[in-house]
PDB file of N, CA and C in Angstrom:
ATOM      1  N   MET A   1     -70.278   1.187  14.845  1.00  0.00           N
ATOM      2  CA  MET A   1     -68.874   0.967  15.140  1.00  0.00           C
ATOM      3  C   MET A   1     -68.003   2.041  14.503  1.00  0.00           C
ATOM      4  N   ILE A   2     -68.290   2.423  13.267  1.00  0.00           N
ATOM      5  CA  ILE A   2     -67.506   3.448  12.583  1.00  0.00           C
ATOM      6  C   ILE A   2     -67.645   4.793  13.290  1.00  0.00           C
ATOM      7  N   ASN A   3     -68.817   5.107  13.780  1.00  0.00           N
ATOM      8  CA  ASN A   3     -69.033   6.384  14.459  1.00  0.00           C
ATOM      9  C   ASN A   3     -68.307   6.459  15.800  1.00  0.00           C
ATOM     10  N   GLU A   4     -68.001   5.325  16.417  1.00  0.00           N
ATOM     11  CA  GLU A   4     -67.321   5.333  17.706  1.00  0.00           C
ATOM     12  C   GLU A   4     -65.855   5.756  17.582  1.00  0.00           C
ATOM     13  N   THR A   5     -65.197   5.399  16.506  1.00  0.00           N
ATOM     14  CA  THR A   5     -63.777   5.702  16.356  1.00  0.00           C
ATOM     15  C   THR A   5     -63.501   7.202  16.388  1.00  0.00           C
ATOM     16  N   PRO A   6     -64.208   8.028  15.585  1.00  0.00           N
ATOM     17  CA  PRO A   6     -63.921   9.471  15.647  1.00  0.00           C
ATOM     18  C   PRO A   6     -64.161  10.060  17.027  1.00  0.00           C
ATOM     19  N   THR A   7     -65.213   9.601  17.704  1.00  0.00           N
ATOM     20  CA  THR A   7     -65.496  10.123  19.035  1.00  0.00           C
ATOM     21  C   THR A   7     -64.381   9.735  20.001  1.00  0.00           C
ATOM     22  N   ARG A   8     -63.945   8.487  19.929  1.00  0.00           N
ATOM     23  CA  ARG A   8     -62.901   8.014  20.822  1.00  0.00           C
ATOM     24  C   ARG A   8     -61.593   8.773  20.567  1.00  0.00           C
ATOM     25  N   VAL A   9     -61.216   8.929  19.312  1.00  0.00           N
ATOM     26  CA  VAL A   9     -59.988   9.659  18.976  1.00  0.00           C
ATOM     27  C   VAL A   9     -60.122  11.107  19.411  1.00  0.00           C
ATOM     28  N   SER A  10     -61.271  11.704  19.115  1.00  0.00           N
ATOM     29  CA  SER A  10     -61.480  13.106  19.427  1.00  0.00           C
ATOM     30  C   SER A  10     -61.413  13.361  20.932  1.00  0.00           C
ATOM     31  N   SER A  11     -62.093  12.542  21.726  1.00  0.00           N
ATOM     32  CA  SER A  11     -62.088  12.775  23.166  1.00  0.00           C
ATOM     33  C   SER A  11     -60.714  12.484  23.763  1.00  0.00           C
ATOM     34  N   CYS A  12     -60.016  11.476  23.230  1.00  0.00           N
ATOM     35  CA  CYS A  12     -58.655  11.173  23.699  1.00  0.00           C
ATOM     36  C   CYS A  12     -57.752  12.367  23.428  1.00  0.00           C
ATOM     37  N   TYR A  13     -57.864  12.927  22.242  1.00  0.00           N
ATOM     38  CA  TYR A  13     -57.032  14.074  21.886  1.00  0.00           C
ATOM     39  C   TYR A  13     -57.381  15.281  22.736  1.00  0.00           C
ATOM     40  N   LYS A  14     -58.672  15.461  23.017  1.00  0.00           N
ATOM     41  CA  LYS A  14     -59.097  16.574  23.854  1.00  0.00           C
ATOM     42  C   LYS A  14     -58.465  16.464  25.245  1.00  0.00           C
ATOM     43  N   ASN A  15     -58.412  15.256  25.804  1.00  0.00           N
ATOM     44  CA  ASN A  15     -57.795  15.074  27.106  1.00  0.00           C
ATOM     45  C   ASN A  15     -56.327  15.476  27.076  1.00  0.00           C
ATOM     46  N   ASN A  16     -55.624  15.118  25.995  1.00  0.00           N
ATOM     47  CA  ASN A  16     -54.222  15.512  25.873  1.00  0.00           C
ATOM     48  C   ASN A  16     -54.088  17.023  25.795  1.00  0.00           C
ATOM     49  N   MET A  17     -55.009  17.677  25.094  1.00  0.00           N
ATOM     50  CA  MET A  17     -54.958  19.132  24.988  1.00  0.00           C
ATOM     51  C   MET A  17     -55.171  19.769  26.355  1.00  0.00           C
ATOM     52  N   GLU A  18     -56.084  19.213  27.152  1.00  0.00           N
ATOM     53  CA  GLU A  18     -56.325  19.755  28.481  1.00  0.00           C
ATOM     54  C   GLU A  18     -55.083  19.605  29.353  1.00  0.00           C
ATOM     55  N   ASP A  19     -54.379  18.491  29.203  1.00  0.00           N
ATOM     56  CA  ASP A  19     -53.131  18.300  29.946  1.00  0.00           C
ATOM     57  C   ASP A  19     -52.112  19.363  29.576  1.00  0.00           C
ATOM     58  N   LYS A  20     -52.082  19.764  28.326  1.00  0.00           N
ATOM     59  CA  LYS A  20     -51.108  20.751  27.873  1.00  0.00           C
ATOM     60  C   LYS A  20     -51.360  22.118  28.490  1.00  0.00           C
ATOM     61  N   LEU A  21     -52.572  22.368  28.949  1.00  0.00           N
ATOM     62  CA  LEU A  21     -52.853  23.645  29.581  1.00  0.00           C
ATOM     63  C   LEU A  21     -51.989  23.853  30.817  1.00  0.00           C
ATOM     64  N   PHE A  22     -51.518  22.775  31.419  1.00  0.00           N
ATOM     65  CA  PHE A  22     -50.745  22.864  32.645  1.00  0.00           C
ATOM     66  C   PHE A  22     -49.243  22.746  32.401  1.00  0.00           C
ATOM     67  N   MET A  23     -48.828  22.693  31.143  1.00  0.00           N
ATOM     68  CA  MET A  23     -47.398  22.604  30.859  1.00  0.00           C
ATOM     69  C   MET A  23     -46.720  23.906  31.262  1.00  0.00           C
ATOM     70  N   LYS A  24     -45.586  23.776  31.884  1.00  0.00           N
ATOM     71  CA  LYS A  24     -44.852  24.953  32.355  1.00  0.00           C
ATOM     72  C   LYS A  24     -44.066  25.605  31.226  1.00  0.00           C
ATOM     73  N   ASN A  25     -43.399  24.812  30.405  1.00  0.00           N
ATOM     74  CA  ASN A  25     -42.530  25.339  29.360  1.00  0.00           C
ATOM     75  C   ASN A  25     -43.185  25.238  27.992  1.00  0.00           C
ATOM     76  N   LYS A  26     -42.831  26.170  27.143  1.00  0.00           N
ATOM     77  CA  LYS A  26     -43.347  26.208  25.778  1.00  0.00           C
ATOM     78  C   LYS A  26     -42.166  26.271  24.816  1.00  0.00           C
ATOM     79  N   LEU A  27     -42.441  26.113  23.545  1.00  0.00           N
ATOM     80  CA  LEU A  27     -41.367  26.182  22.552  1.00  0.00           C
ATOM     81  C   LEU A  27     -40.705  27.554  22.534  1.00  0.00           C
ATOM     82  N   THR A  28     -41.458  28.588  22.859  1.00  0.00           N
ATOM     83  CA  THR A  28     -40.843  29.926  22.913  1.00  0.00           C
ATOM     84  C   THR A  28     -39.794  29.976  24.022  1.00  0.00           C
ATOM     85  N   ASP A  29     -40.042  29.260  25.121  1.00  0.00           N
ATOM     86  CA  ASP A  29     -39.055  29.200  26.204  1.00  0.00           C
ATOM     87  C   ASP A  29     -37.783  28.507  25.726  1.00  0.00           C
ATOM     88  N   LEU A  30     -37.958  27.441  24.965  1.00  0.00           N
ATOM     89  CA  LEU A  30     -36.802  26.728  24.412  1.00  0.00           C
ATOM     90  C   LEU A  30     -36.004  27.652  23.498  1.00  0.00           C
ATOM     91  N   ASN A  31     -36.694  28.360  22.636  1.00  0.00           N
ATOM     92  CA  ASN A  31     -36.036  29.289  21.720  1.00  0.00           C
ATOM     93  C   ASN A  31     -35.244  30.344  22.491  1.00  0.00           C
ATOM     94  N   ASN A  32     -35.853  30.910  23.512  1.00  0.00           N
ATOM     95  CA  ASN A  32     -35.168  31.916  24.328  1.00  0.00           C
ATOM     96  C   ASN A  32     -33.941  31.326  25.010  1.00  0.00           C
ATOM     97  N   TYR A  33     -34.080  30.116  25.519  1.00  0.00           N
ATOM     98  CA  TYR A  33     -32.966  29.481  26.211  1.00  0.00           C
ATOM     99  C   TYR A  33     -31.806  29.204  25.269  1.00  0.00           C
ATOM    100  N   LEU A  34     -32.114  28.798  24.037  1.00  0.00           N
ATOM    101  CA  LEU A  34     -31.057  28.551  23.054  1.00  0.00           C
ATOM    102  C   LEU A  34     -30.278  29.836  22.749  1.00  0.00           C
ATOM    103  N   PHE A  35     -30.994  30.933  22.612  1.00  0.00           N
ATOM    104  CA  PHE A  35     -30.308  32.206  22.352  1.00  0.00           C
ATOM    105  C   PHE A  35     -29.503  32.669  23.571  1.00  0.00           C
ATOM    106  N   GLU A  36     -30.009  32.398  24.762  1.00  0.00           N
ATOM    107  CA  GLU A  36     -29.243  32.730  25.966  1.00  0.00           C
ATOM    108  C   GLU A  36     -27.946  31.938  26.011  1.00  0.00           C
ATOM    109  N   GLN A  37     -28.006  30.672  25.615  1.00  0.00           N
ATOM    110  CA  GLN A  37     -26.801  29.845  25.606  1.00  0.00           C
ATOM    111  C   GLN A  37     -25.795  30.377  24.591  1.00  0.00           C
ATOM    112  N   ILE A  38     -26.264  30.824  23.447  1.00  0.00           N
ATOM    113  CA  ILE A  38     -25.367  31.422  22.446  1.00  0.00           C
ATOM    114  C   ILE A  38     -24.670  32.646  23.039  1.00  0.00           C
ATOM    115  N   GLU A  39     -25.432  33.457  23.762  1.00  0.00           N
ATOM    116  CA  GLU A  39     -24.837  34.635  24.392  1.00  0.00           C
ATOM    117  C   GLU A  39     -23.771  34.241  25.408  1.00  0.00           C
ATOM    118  N   ARG A  40     -24.035  33.176  26.174  1.00  0.00           N
ATOM    119  CA  ARG A  40     -23.047  32.726  27.159  1.00  0.00           C
ATOM    120  C   ARG A  40     -21.770  32.250  26.469  1.00  0.00           C
ATOM    121  N   ILE A  41     -21.916  31.544  25.369  1.00  0.00           N
ATOM    122  CA  ILE A  41     -20.744  31.056  24.637  1.00  0.00           C
ATOM    123  C   ILE A  41     -19.951  32.223  24.039  1.00  0.00           C
ATOM    124  N   ASN A  42     -20.641  33.250  23.622  1.00  0.00           N
ATOM    125  CA  ASN A  42     -19.987  34.407  22.998  1.00  0.00           C
ATOM    126  C   ASN A  42     -19.407  35.395  24.012  1.00  0.00           C
ATOM    127  N   ASP A  43     -19.504  35.111  25.284  1.00  0.00           N
ATOM    128  CA  ASP A  43     -18.982  35.993  26.321  1.00  0.00           C
ATOM    129  C   ASP A  43     -17.453  35.978  26.284  1.00  0.00           C
ATOM    130  N   ASP A  44     -16.859  37.092  25.889  1.00  0.00           N
ATOM    131  CA  ASP A  44     -15.403  37.194  25.767  1.00  0.00           C
ATOM    132  C   ASP A  44     -14.676  37.144  27.107  1.00  0.00           C
ATOM    133  N   SER A  45     -15.401  37.365  28.183  1.00  0.00           N
ATOM    134  CA  SER A  45     -14.749  37.372  29.493  1.00  0.00           C
ATOM    135  C   SER A  45     -14.580  35.966  30.085  1.00  0.00           C
ATOM    136  N   LEU A  46     -15.089  34.939  29.411  1.00  0.00           N
ATOM    137  CA  LEU A  46     -14.964  33.571  29.924  1.00  0.00           C
ATOM    138  C   LEU A  46     -13.525  33.077  29.824  1.00  0.00           C
ATOM    139  N   SER A  47     -13.110  32.384  30.860  1.00  0.00           N
ATOM    140  CA  SER A  47     -11.799  31.727  30.804  1.00  0.00           C
ATOM    141  C   SER A  47     -11.928  30.497  29.904  1.00  0.00           C
ATOM    142  N   SER A  48     -10.809  29.908  29.572  1.00  0.00           N
ATOM    143  CA  SER A  48     -10.829  28.704  28.736  1.00  0.00           C
ATOM    144  C   SER A  48     -11.646  27.595  29.381  1.00  0.00           C
ATOM    145  N   GLN A  49     -11.474  27.434  30.678  1.00  0.00           N
ATOM    146  CA  GLN A  49     -12.213  26.390  31.391  1.00  0.00           C
ATOM    147  C   GLN A  49     -13.714  26.700  31.420  1.00  0.00           C
ATOM    148  N   GLU A  50     -14.070  27.951  31.656  1.00  0.00           N
ATOM    149  CA  GLU A  50     -15.488  28.341  31.667  1.00  0.00           C
ATOM    150  C   GLU A  50     -16.108  28.160  30.287  1.00  0.00           C
ATOM    151  N   LEU A  51     -15.346  28.513  29.244  1.00  0.00           N
ATOM    152  CA  LEU A  51     -15.840  28.331  27.890  1.00  0.00           C
ATOM    153  C   LEU A  51     -16.063  26.848  27.590  1.00  0.00           C
ATOM    154  N   GLU A  52     -15.123  26.018  28.010  1.00  0.00           N
ATOM    155  CA  GLU A  52     -15.253  24.573  27.819  1.00  0.00           C
ATOM    156  C   GLU A  52     -16.511  24.050  28.513  1.00  0.00           C
ATOM    157  N   THR A  53     -16.758  24.540  29.724  1.00  0.00           N
ATOM    158  CA  THR A  53     -17.960  24.148  30.467  1.00  0.00           C
ATOM    159  C   THR A  53     -19.215  24.564  29.706  1.00  0.00           C
ATOM    160  N   GLN A  54     -19.214  25.791  29.198  1.00  0.00           N
ATOM    161  CA  GLN A  54     -20.375  26.287  28.457  1.00  0.00           C
ATOM    162  C   GLN A  54     -20.586  25.503  27.155  1.00  0.00           C
ATOM    163  N   LEU A  55     -19.501  25.125  26.512  1.00  0.00           N
ATOM    164  CA  LEU A  55     -19.622  24.352  25.279  1.00  0.00           C
ATOM    165  C   LEU A  55     -20.204  22.958  25.548  1.00  0.00           C
ATOM    166  N   LYS A  56     -19.812  22.351  26.667  1.00  0.00           N
ATOM    167  CA  LYS A  56     -20.382  21.055  27.050  1.00  0.00           C
ATOM    168  C   LYS A  56     -21.866  21.191  27.355  1.00  0.00           C
ATOM    169  N   LYS A  57     -22.213  22.269  28.052  1.00  0.00           N
ATOM    170  CA  LYS A  57     -23.624  22.525  28.340  1.00  0.00           C
ATOM    171  C   LYS A  57     -24.397  22.755  27.046  1.00  0.00           C
ATOM    172  N   ALA A  58     -23.792  23.487  26.126  1.00  0.00           N
ATOM    173  CA  ALA A  58     -24.448  23.771  24.852  1.00  0.00           C
ATOM    174  C   ALA A  58     -24.711  22.485  24.072  1.00  0.00           C
ATOM    175  N   GLU A  59     -23.765  21.565  24.121  1.00  0.00           N
ATOM    176  CA  GLU A  59     -23.947  20.287  23.435  1.00  0.00           C
ATOM    177  C   GLU A  59     -25.113  19.511  24.045  1.00  0.00           C
ATOM    178  N   ALA A  60     -25.184  19.491  25.361  1.00  0.00           N
ATOM    179  CA  ALA A  60     -26.286  18.801  26.036  1.00  0.00           C
ATOM    180  C   ALA A  60     -27.619  19.474  25.718  1.00  0.00           C
ATOM    181  N   ILE A  61     -27.622  20.796  25.743  1.00  0.00           N
ATOM    182  CA  ILE A  61     -28.844  21.544  25.437  1.00  0.00           C
ATOM    183  C   ILE A  61     -29.283  21.266  24.006  1.00  0.00           C
ATOM    184  N   THR A  62     -28.331  21.215  23.093  1.00  0.00           N
ATOM    185  CA  THR A  62     -28.644  20.932  21.689  1.00  0.00           C
ATOM    186  C   THR A  62     -29.285  19.562  21.543  1.00  0.00           C
ATOM    187  N   ASN A  63     -28.733  18.561  22.204  1.00  0.00           N
ATOM    188  CA  ASN A  63     -29.288  17.211  22.124  1.00  0.00           C
ATOM    189  C   ASN A  63     -30.713  17.152  22.663  1.00  0.00           C
ATOM    190  N   ILE A  64     -30.927  17.773  23.802  1.00  0.00           N
ATOM    191  CA  ILE A  64     -32.265  17.796  24.392  1.00  0.00           C
ATOM    192  C   ILE A  64     -33.226  18.584  23.501  1.00  0.00           C
ATOM    193  N   SER A  65     -32.770  19.707  22.977  1.00  0.00           N
ATOM    194  CA  SER A  65     -33.605  20.549  22.116  1.00  0.00           C
ATOM    195  C   SER A  65     -34.046  19.796  20.871  1.00  0.00           C
ATOM    196  N   GLU A  66     -33.129  19.054  20.274  1.00  0.00           N
ATOM    197  CA  GLU A  66     -33.473  18.283  19.086  1.00  0.00           C
ATOM    198  C   GLU A  66     -34.565  17.269  19.390  1.00  0.00           C
ATOM    199  N   THR A  67     -34.498  16.656  20.547  1.00  0.00           N
ATOM    200  CA  THR A  67     -35.528  15.695  20.945  1.00  0.00           C
ATOM    201  C   THR A  67     -36.874  16.388  21.129  1.00  0.00           C
ATOM    202  N   ILE A  68     -36.865  17.538  21.784  1.00  0.00           N
ATOM    203  CA  ILE A  68     -38.100  18.299  22.003  1.00  0.00           C
ATOM    204  C   ILE A  68     -38.702  18.707  20.663  1.00  0.00           C
ATOM    205  N   ILE A  69     -37.868  19.200  19.758  1.00  0.00           N
ATOM    206  CA  ILE A  69     -38.353  19.659  18.454  1.00  0.00           C
ATOM    207  C   ILE A  69     -38.910  18.493  17.650  1.00  0.00           C
ATOM    208  N   LYS A  70     -38.243  17.352  17.655  1.00  0.00           N
ATOM    209  CA  LYS A  70     -38.757  16.172  16.949  1.00  0.00           C
ATOM    210  C   LYS A  70     -40.101  15.752  17.524  1.00  0.00           C
ATOM    211  N   ASN A  71     -40.232  15.791  18.829  1.00  0.00           N
ATOM    212  CA  ASN A  71     -41.489  15.456  19.476  1.00  0.00           C
ATOM    213  C   ASN A  71     -42.600  16.404  19.029  1.00  0.00           C
ATOM    214  N   GLN A  72     -42.292  17.693  18.980  1.00  0.00           N
ATOM    215  CA  GLN A  72     -43.280  18.679  18.551  1.00  0.00           C
ATOM    216  C   GLN A  72     -43.668  18.478  17.080  1.00  0.00           C
ATOM    217  N   GLU A  73     -42.697  18.119  16.258  1.00  0.00           N
ATOM    218  CA  GLU A  73     -42.983  17.848  14.846  1.00  0.00           C
ATOM    219  C   GLU A  73     -43.956  16.685  14.703  1.00  0.00           C
ATOM    220  N   ILE A  74     -43.749  15.640  15.495  1.00  0.00           N
ATOM    221  CA  ILE A  74     -44.647  14.479  15.461  1.00  0.00           C
ATOM    222  C   ILE A  74     -46.046  14.893  15.898  1.00  0.00           C
ATOM    223  N   GLN A  75     -46.131  15.681  16.949  1.00  0.00           N
ATOM    224  CA  GLN A  75     -47.439  16.134  17.416  1.00  0.00           C
ATOM    225  C   GLN A  75     -48.138  16.998  16.376  1.00  0.00           C
ATOM    226  N   LEU A  76     -47.384  17.853  15.716  1.00  0.00           N
ATOM    227  CA  LEU A  76     -47.962  18.703  14.677  1.00  0.00           C
ATOM    228  C   LEU A  76     -48.443  17.866  13.504  1.00  0.00           C
ATOM    229  N   LYS A  77     -47.641  16.912  13.069  1.00  0.00           N
ATOM    230  CA  LYS A  77     -48.055  16.039  11.972  1.00  0.00           C
ATOM    231  C   LYS A  77     -49.314  15.264  12.326  1.00  0.00           C
ATOM    232  N   ALA A  78     -49.378  14.790  13.560  1.00  0.00           N
ATOM    233  CA  ALA A  78     -50.572  14.063  14.001  1.00  0.00           C
ATOM    234  C   ALA A  78     -51.793  14.976  14.000  1.00  0.00           C
ATOM    235  N   ALA A  79     -51.615  16.209  14.472  1.00  0.00           N
ATOM    236  CA  ALA A  79     -52.727  17.162  14.497  1.00  0.00           C
ATOM    237  C   ALA A  79     -53.191  17.498  13.086  1.00  0.00           C
ATOM    238  N   ILE A  80     -52.247  17.667  12.170  1.00  0.00           N
ATOM    239  CA  ILE A  80     -52.612  17.950  10.775  1.00  0.00           C
ATOM    240  C   ILE A  80     -53.382  16.784  10.187  1.00  0.00           C
ATOM    241  N   LYS A  81     -52.919  15.570  10.465  1.00  0.00           N
ATOM    242  CA  LYS A  81     -53.604  14.376   9.960  1.00  0.00           C
ATOM    243  C   LYS A  81     -55.009  14.284  10.538  1.00  0.00           C
ATOM    244  N   LEU A  82     -55.142  14.530  11.825  1.00  0.00           N
ATOM    245  CA  LEU A  82     -56.466  14.507  12.447  1.00  0.00           C
ATOM    246  C   LEU A  82     -57.377  15.572  11.838  1.00  0.00           C
ATOM    247  N   ALA A  83     -56.826  16.756  11.598  1.00  0.00           N
ATOM    248  CA  ALA A  83     -57.617  17.833  10.994  1.00  0.00           C
ATOM    249  C   ALA A  83     -58.026  17.462   9.570  1.00  0.00           C
ATOM    250  N   ASP A  84     -57.087  16.885   8.813  1.00  0.00           N
ATOM    251  CA  ASP A  84     -57.395  16.468   7.440  1.00  0.00           C
ATOM    252  C   ASP A  84     -58.492  15.421   7.394  1.00  0.00           C
ATOM    253  N   CYS A  85     -58.542  14.573   8.399  1.00  0.00           N
ATOM    254  CA  CYS A  85     -59.543  13.500   8.455  1.00  0.00           C
ATOM    255  C   CYS A  85     -60.843  13.966   9.106  1.00  0.00           C
ATOM    256  N   GLY A  86     -60.874  15.211   9.549  1.00  0.00           N
ATOM    257  CA  GLY A  86     -62.088  15.761  10.141  1.00  0.00           C
ATOM    258  C   GLY A  86     -62.284  15.432  11.603  1.00  0.00           C
ATOM    259  N   TYR A  87     -61.250  14.959  12.275  1.00  0.00           N
ATOM    260  CA  TYR A  87     -61.381  14.588  13.680  1.00  0.00           C
ATOM    261  C   TYR A  87     -61.147  15.756  14.627  1.00  0.00           C
ATOM    262  N   LEU A  88     -60.604  16.835  14.145  1.00  0.00           N
ATOM    263  CA  LEU A  88     -60.378  18.005  14.991  1.00  0.00           C
ATOM    264  C   LEU A  88     -61.439  19.049  14.694  1.00  0.00           C
ATOM    265  N   LYS A  89     -61.947  19.645  15.751  1.00  0.00           N
ATOM    266  CA  LYS A  89     -62.897  20.736  15.602  1.00  0.00           C
ATOM    267  C   LYS A  89     -62.122  22.038  15.463  1.00  0.00           C
ATOM    268  N   SER A  90     -62.790  23.058  15.015  1.00  0.00           N
ATOM    269  CA  SER A  90     -62.159  24.361  14.805  1.00  0.00           C
ATOM    270  C   SER A  90     -61.489  24.880  16.073  1.00  0.00           C
ATOM    271  N   ASP A  91     -62.172  24.748  17.216  1.00  0.00           N
ATOM    272  CA  ASP A  91     -61.593  25.263  18.462  1.00  0.00           C
ATOM    273  C   ASP A  91     -60.357  24.473  18.874  1.00  0.00           C
ATOM    274  N   GLN A  92     -60.293  23.179  18.545  1.00  0.00           N
ATOM    275  CA  GLN A  92     -59.113  22.387  18.859  1.00  0.00           C
ATOM    276  C   GLN A  92     -57.942  22.805  17.981  1.00  0.00           C
ATOM    277  N   THR A  93     -58.196  23.092  16.718  1.00  0.00           N
ATOM    278  CA  THR A  93     -57.151  23.540  15.809  1.00  0.00           C
ATOM    279  C   THR A  93     -56.603  24.886  16.273  1.00  0.00           C
ATOM    280  N   LYS A  94     -57.479  25.769  16.687  1.00  0.00           N
ATOM    281  CA  LYS A  94     -57.045  27.076  17.187  1.00  0.00           C
ATOM    282  C   LYS A  94     -56.172  26.913  18.423  1.00  0.00           C
ATOM    283  N   PHE A  95     -56.546  25.975  19.300  1.00  0.00           N
ATOM    284  CA  PHE A  95     -55.753  25.729  20.507  1.00  0.00           C
ATOM    285  C   PHE A  95     -54.342  25.274  20.133  1.00  0.00           C
ATOM    286  N   LEU A  96     -54.249  24.359  19.178  1.00  0.00           N
ATOM    287  CA  LEU A  96     -52.948  23.838  18.775  1.00  0.00           C
ATOM    288  C   LEU A  96     -52.078  24.918  18.161  1.00  0.00           C
ATOM    289  N   LEU A  97     -52.692  25.837  17.451  1.00  0.00           N
ATOM    290  CA  LEU A  97     -51.931  26.885  16.778  1.00  0.00           C
ATOM    291  C   LEU A  97     -51.784  28.149  17.615  1.00  0.00           C
ATOM    292  N   SER A  98     -52.362  28.176  18.797  1.00  0.00           N
ATOM    293  CA  SER A  98     -52.342  29.395  19.594  1.00  0.00           C
ATOM    294  C   SER A  98     -50.940  29.870  19.915  1.00  0.00           C
ATOM    295  N   GLU A  99     -50.020  28.948  20.148  1.00  0.00           N
ATOM    296  CA  GLU A  99     -48.642  29.319  20.462  1.00  0.00           C
ATOM    297  C   GLU A  99     -47.980  29.983  19.248  1.00  0.00           C
ATOM    298  N   VAL A 100     -48.268  29.470  18.063  1.00  0.00           N
ATOM    299  CA  VAL A 100     -47.703  30.045  16.837  1.00  0.00           C
ATOM    300  C   VAL A 100     -48.303  31.417  16.580  1.00  0.00           C
ATOM    301  N   ILE A 101     -49.624  31.520  16.735  1.00  0.00           N
ATOM    302  CA  ILE A 101     -50.327  32.774  16.465  1.00  0.00           C
ATOM    303  C   ILE A 101     -49.880  33.852  17.433  1.00  0.00           C
ATOM    304  N   LYS A 102     -49.708  33.524  18.731  1.00  0.00           N
ATOM    305  CA  LYS A 102     -49.293  34.507  19.738  1.00  0.00           C
ATOM    306  C   LYS A 102     -47.929  35.081  19.439  1.00  0.00           C
ATOM    307  N   ASN A 103     -47.060  34.302  18.826  1.00  0.00           N
ATOM    308  CA  ASN A 103     -45.689  34.741  18.620  1.00  0.00           C
ATOM    309  C   ASN A 103     -45.459  35.485  17.311  1.00  0.00           C
ATOM    310  N   ASP A 104     -46.454  35.615  16.492  1.00  0.00           N
ATOM    311  CA  ASP A 104     -46.289  36.346  15.216  1.00  0.00           C
ATOM    312  C   ASP A 104     -46.486  37.820  15.392  1.00  0.00           C
TER     313      ASP A 104
END
């Protein structure tokens, strides 16, 4: 019974990792989009109304971004916990960190 739990957790996590292979957006995309929004807000040629529109969009983007980042933090904490408990294999850890490693 004890041996079944690590296998079940490990295979469940592997399935989630395979699903992530098909994700369209990554955290780097979010980062780029946030900087693009800053550039739009800093555009001196915007009228007052256009600036107001951009500020409303920025607020919405900020709210959504915070949710995405919190979600990623939870996933990272879970992955660290799984790794600490020995449930993640080396190749799974590399997969999780591949986005961080690629961007350095």
